[in-house]
Amino acid sequence: MQSRQRTHQVQMHFQQQQQPQPQSQLQQIPSHPEQQQQQQLEDDSQTVTPKQEYRELKRRFKVLVYENEYYQEELRNLQRKLLKLSRDKNFLLDRMLMYENVDSSEESDSSTKTVEEKGPPKK
């Protein structure tokens, strides 16, 4: 049950990633000294602290673990299907071979009968 929930979470994550993200608008370079200071403060606040970076990496790792689990489950399901199809194929090939052997033995029996019916060659 948990794997299905995780699978759903991973699928939702992929759907969110596939949606187009709005592009950030280019900011104009301020010309006044006060605006430059304000811009500098905004830039400093946007820097990533090691703690934030750690949390982001941890979150991404968790997503990758779920993604890996999802792909492993898909692989197991596909391997089961492949095994079933291989067994079915082998079964059908065996049946075909059985019928081909019966047909070829009937043909060889009829050809030997015609040779035997003709009798020995005359000298």
C-alpha atoms as a PDB file:
ATOM      1  CA  MET A   1       0.000   0.000   0.000  1.00  0.00           C
ATOM      2  CA  GLN A   2       2.848   2.352   0.849  1.00  0.00           C
ATOM      3  CA  SER A   3       4.558   1.723  -2.451  1.00  0.00           C
ATOM      4  CA  ARG A   4       1.403   2.786  -4.296  1.00  0.00           C
ATOM      5  CA  GLN A   5       1.297   6.015  -2.311  1.00  0.00           C
ATOM      6  CA  ARG A   6       4.957   6.625  -3.059  1.00  0.00           C
ATOM      7  CA  THR A   7       4.371   5.825  -6.705  1.00  0.00           C
ATOM      8  CA  HIS A   8       1.561   8.355  -6.770  1.00  0.00           C
ATOM      9  CA  GLN A   9       3.788  10.951  -5.093  1.00  0.00           C
ATOM     10  CA  VAL A  10       6.543  10.389  -7.639  1.00  0.00           C
ATOM     11  CA  GLN A  11       4.081  10.649 -10.510  1.00  0.00           C
ATOM     12  CA  MET A  12       2.716  13.909  -9.114  1.00  0.00           C
ATOM     13  CA  HIS A  13       6.253  15.239  -8.746  1.00  0.00           C
ATOM     14  CA  PHE A  14       7.031  14.424 -12.388  1.00  0.00           C
ATOM     15  CA  GLN A  15       3.842  16.097 -13.535  1.00  0.00           C
ATOM     16  CA  GLN A  16       4.761  19.235 -11.616  1.00  0.00           C
ATOM     17  CA  GLN A  17       8.234  19.247 -13.123  1.00  0.00           C
ATOM     18  CA  GLN A  18       6.870  18.847 -16.635  1.00  0.00           C
ATOM     19  CA  GLN A  19       4.618  21.882 -16.357  1.00  0.00           C
ATOM     20  CA  PRO A  20       6.266  24.948 -17.863  1.00  0.00           C
ATOM     21  CA  GLN A  21       7.741  27.240 -15.267  1.00  0.00           C
ATOM     22  CA  PRO A  22       7.238  30.993 -15.696  1.00  0.00           C
ATOM     23  CA  GLN A  23      10.418  32.734 -16.693  1.00  0.00           C
ATOM     24  CA  SER A  24      11.716  35.306 -14.281  1.00  0.00           C
ATOM     25  CA  GLN A  25      11.592  38.817 -15.554  1.00  0.00           C
ATOM     26  CA  LEU A  26      14.855  40.620 -16.022  1.00  0.00           C
ATOM     27  CA  GLN A  27      15.422  43.233 -13.393  1.00  0.00           C
ATOM     28  CA  GLN A  28      16.618  46.622 -14.421  1.00  0.00           C
ATOM     29  CA  ILE A  29      19.913  47.792 -13.040  1.00  0.00           C
ATOM     30  CA  PRO A  30      19.245  50.575 -10.546  1.00  0.00           C
ATOM     31  CA  SER A  31      20.983  53.847 -11.207  1.00  0.00           C
ATOM     32  CA  HIS A  32      20.688  55.540  -7.802  1.00  0.00           C
ATOM     33  CA  PRO A  33      23.006  54.665  -4.901  1.00  0.00           C
ATOM     34  CA  GLU A  34      20.056  53.932  -2.608  1.00  0.00           C
ATOM     35  CA  GLN A  35      18.610  51.547  -5.152  1.00  0.00           C
ATOM     36  CA  GLN A  36      22.007  49.892  -5.526  1.00  0.00           C
ATOM     37  CA  GLN A  37      22.199  49.316  -1.763  1.00  0.00           C
ATOM     38  CA  GLN A  38      18.694  47.912  -1.723  1.00  0.00           C
ATOM     39  CA  GLN A  39      19.565  45.633  -4.633  1.00  0.00           C
ATOM     40  CA  GLN A  40      22.681  44.470  -2.778  1.00  0.00           C
ATOM     41  CA  LEU A  41      20.604  43.612   0.306  1.00  0.00           C
ATOM     42  CA  GLU A  42      18.137  41.654  -1.822  1.00  0.00           C
ATOM     43  CA  ASP A  43      20.998  39.747  -3.438  1.00  0.00           C
ATOM     44  CA  ASP A  44      22.438  38.894  -0.013  1.00  0.00           C
ATOM     45  CA  SER A  45      19.070  37.614   1.190  1.00  0.00           C
ATOM     46  CA  GLN A  46      18.824  35.370  -1.877  1.00  0.00           C
ATOM     47  CA  THR A  47      22.103  33.597  -1.153  1.00  0.00           C
ATOM     48  CA  VAL A  48      21.650  30.059   0.019  1.00  0.00           C
ATOM     49  CA  THR A  49      22.868  29.144   3.468  1.00  0.00           C
ATOM     50  CA  PRO A  50      24.453  25.735   4.013  1.00  0.00           C
ATOM     51  CA  LYS A  51      21.425  24.678   6.037  1.00  0.00           C
ATOM     52  CA  GLN A  52      19.056  25.595   3.204  1.00  0.00           C
ATOM     53  CA  GLU A  53      21.286  23.856   0.705  1.00  0.00           C
ATOM     54  CA  TYR A  54      21.346  20.739   2.907  1.00  0.00           C
ATOM     55  CA  ARG A  55      17.558  20.717   3.166  1.00  0.00           C
ATOM     56  CA  GLU A  56      17.183  21.123  -0.586  1.00  0.00           C
ATOM     57  CA  LEU A  57      19.640  18.315  -1.265  1.00  0.00           C
ATOM     58  CA  LYS A  58      17.884  16.130   1.282  1.00  0.00           C
ATOM     59  CA  ARG A  59      14.528  16.808  -0.377  1.00  0.00           C
ATOM     60  CA  ARG A  60      15.955  16.021  -3.815  1.00  0.00           C
ATOM     61  CA  PHE A  61      17.506  12.827  -2.454  1.00  0.00           C
ATOM     62  CA  LYS A  62      14.152  11.755  -1.046  1.00  0.00           C
ATOM     63  CA  VAL A  63      12.502  12.362  -4.420  1.00  0.00           C
ATOM     64  CA  LEU A  64      15.214  10.329  -6.133  1.00  0.00           C
ATOM     65  CA  VAL A  65      14.707   7.462  -3.687  1.00  0.00           C
ATOM     66  CA  TYR A  66      10.965   7.456  -4.433  1.00  0.00           C
ATOM     67  CA  GLU A  67      11.669   7.681  -8.136  1.00  0.00           C
ATOM     68  CA  ASN A  68      14.074   4.746  -7.897  1.00  0.00           C
ATOM     69  CA  GLU A  69      11.492   2.712  -6.009  1.00  0.00           C
ATOM     70  CA  TYR A  70       8.883   3.501  -8.645  1.00  0.00           C
ATOM     71  CA  TYR A  71      11.180   2.395 -11.461  1.00  0.00           C
ATOM     72  CA  GLN A  72      12.124  -0.793  -9.621  1.00  0.00           C
ATOM     73  CA  GLU A  73       8.456  -1.649  -9.209  1.00  0.00           C
ATOM     74  CA  GLU A  74       7.842  -0.977 -12.905  1.00  0.00           C
ATOM     75  CA  LEU A  75      10.827  -3.150 -13.781  1.00  0.00           C
ATOM     76  CA  ARG A  76       9.504  -6.025 -11.652  1.00  0.00           C
ATOM     77  CA  ASN A  77       6.086  -5.778 -13.292  1.00  0.00           C
ATOM     78  CA  LEU A  78       7.573  -5.712 -16.775  1.00  0.00           C
ATOM     79  CA  GLN A  79       9.846  -8.652 -15.968  1.00  0.00           C
ATOM     80  CA  ARG A  80       6.817 -10.652 -14.815  1.00  0.00           C
ATOM     81  CA  LYS A  81       5.017  -9.833 -18.048  1.00  0.00           C
ATOM     82  CA  LEU A  82       8.077 -10.792 -20.070  1.00  0.00           C
ATOM     83  CA  LEU A  83       8.369 -14.108 -18.245  1.00  0.00           C
ATOM     84  CA  LYS A  84       4.706 -14.865 -18.869  1.00  0.00           C
ATOM     85  CA  LEU A  85       4.999 -13.967 -22.550  1.00  0.00           C
ATOM     86  CA  SER A  86       8.142 -16.083 -22.912  1.00  0.00           C
ATOM     87  CA  ARG A  87       6.369 -19.064 -21.387  1.00  0.00           C
ATOM     88  CA  ASP A  88       3.380 -18.562 -23.670  1.00  0.00           C
ATOM     89  CA  LYS A  89       5.649 -18.284 -26.697  1.00  0.00           C
ATOM     90  CA  ASN A  90       7.524 -21.470 -25.784  1.00  0.00           C
ATOM     91  CA  PHE A  91       4.273 -23.322 -25.190  1.00  0.00           C
ATOM     92  CA  LEU A  92       2.902 -22.256 -28.574  1.00  0.00           C
ATOM     93  CA  LEU A  93       6.145 -23.119 -30.343  1.00  0.00           C
ATOM     94  CA  ASP A  94       6.087 -26.574 -28.746  1.00  0.00           C
ATOM     95  CA  ARG A  95       2.511 -27.074 -29.911  1.00  0.00           C
ATOM     96  CA  MET A  96       3.410 -25.961 -33.432  1.00  0.00           C
ATOM     97  CA  LEU A  97       6.392 -28.310 -33.461  1.00  0.00           C
ATOM     98  CA  MET A  98       4.157 -31.155 -32.342  1.00  0.00           C
ATOM     99  CA  TYR A  99       1.762 -30.521 -35.243  1.00  0.00           C
ATOM    100  CA  GLU A 100       4.617 -30.102 -37.713  1.00  0.00           C
ATOM    101  CA  ASN A 101       6.060 -33.453 -36.623  1.00  0.00           C
ATOM    102  CA  VAL A 102       2.674 -35.124 -37.104  1.00  0.00           C
ATOM    103  CA  ASP A 103       2.277 -33.570 -40.563  1.00  0.00           C
ATOM    104  CA  SER A 104       5.788 -34.478 -41.656  1.00  0.00           C
ATOM    105  CA  SER A 105       5.417 -38.064 -40.411  1.00  0.00           C
ATOM    106  CA  GLU A 106       2.153 -38.418 -42.368  1.00  0.00           C
ATOM    107  CA  GLU A 107       3.874 -37.079 -45.485  1.00  0.00           C
ATOM    108  CA  SER A 108       6.822 -39.428 -45.047  1.00  0.00           C
ATOM    109  CA  ASP A 109       4.449 -42.381 -44.458  1.00  0.00           C
ATOM    110  CA  SER A 110       2.522 -41.627 -47.646  1.00  0.00           C
ATOM    111  CA  SER A 111       5.712 -41.276 -49.677  1.00  0.00           C
ATOM    112  CA  THR A 112       7.048 -44.599 -48.423  1.00  0.00           C
ATOM    113  CA  LYS A 113       3.759 -46.313 -49.223  1.00  0.00           C
ATOM    114  CA  THR A 114       3.837 -45.111 -52.794  1.00  0.00           C
ATOM    115  CA  VAL A 115       7.371 -46.395 -53.201  1.00  0.00           C
ATOM    116  CA  GLU A 116       6.422 -49.745 -51.654  1.00  0.00           C
ATOM    117  CA  GLU A 117       3.281 -50.042 -53.777  1.00  0.00           C
ATOM    118  CA  LYS A 118       5.270 -49.667 -56.975  1.00  0.00           C
ATOM    119  CA  GLY A 119       7.174 -52.800 -56.160  1.00  0.00           C
ATOM    120  CA  PRO A 120      10.719 -53.706 -56.998  1.00  0.00           C
ATOM    121  CA  PRO A 121      12.204 -52.193 -60.123  1.00  0.00           C
ATOM    122  CA  LYS A 122      12.202 -54.453 -63.217  1.00  0.00           C
ATOM    123  CA  LYS A 123      15.440 -55.513 -64.795  1.00  0.00           C
END
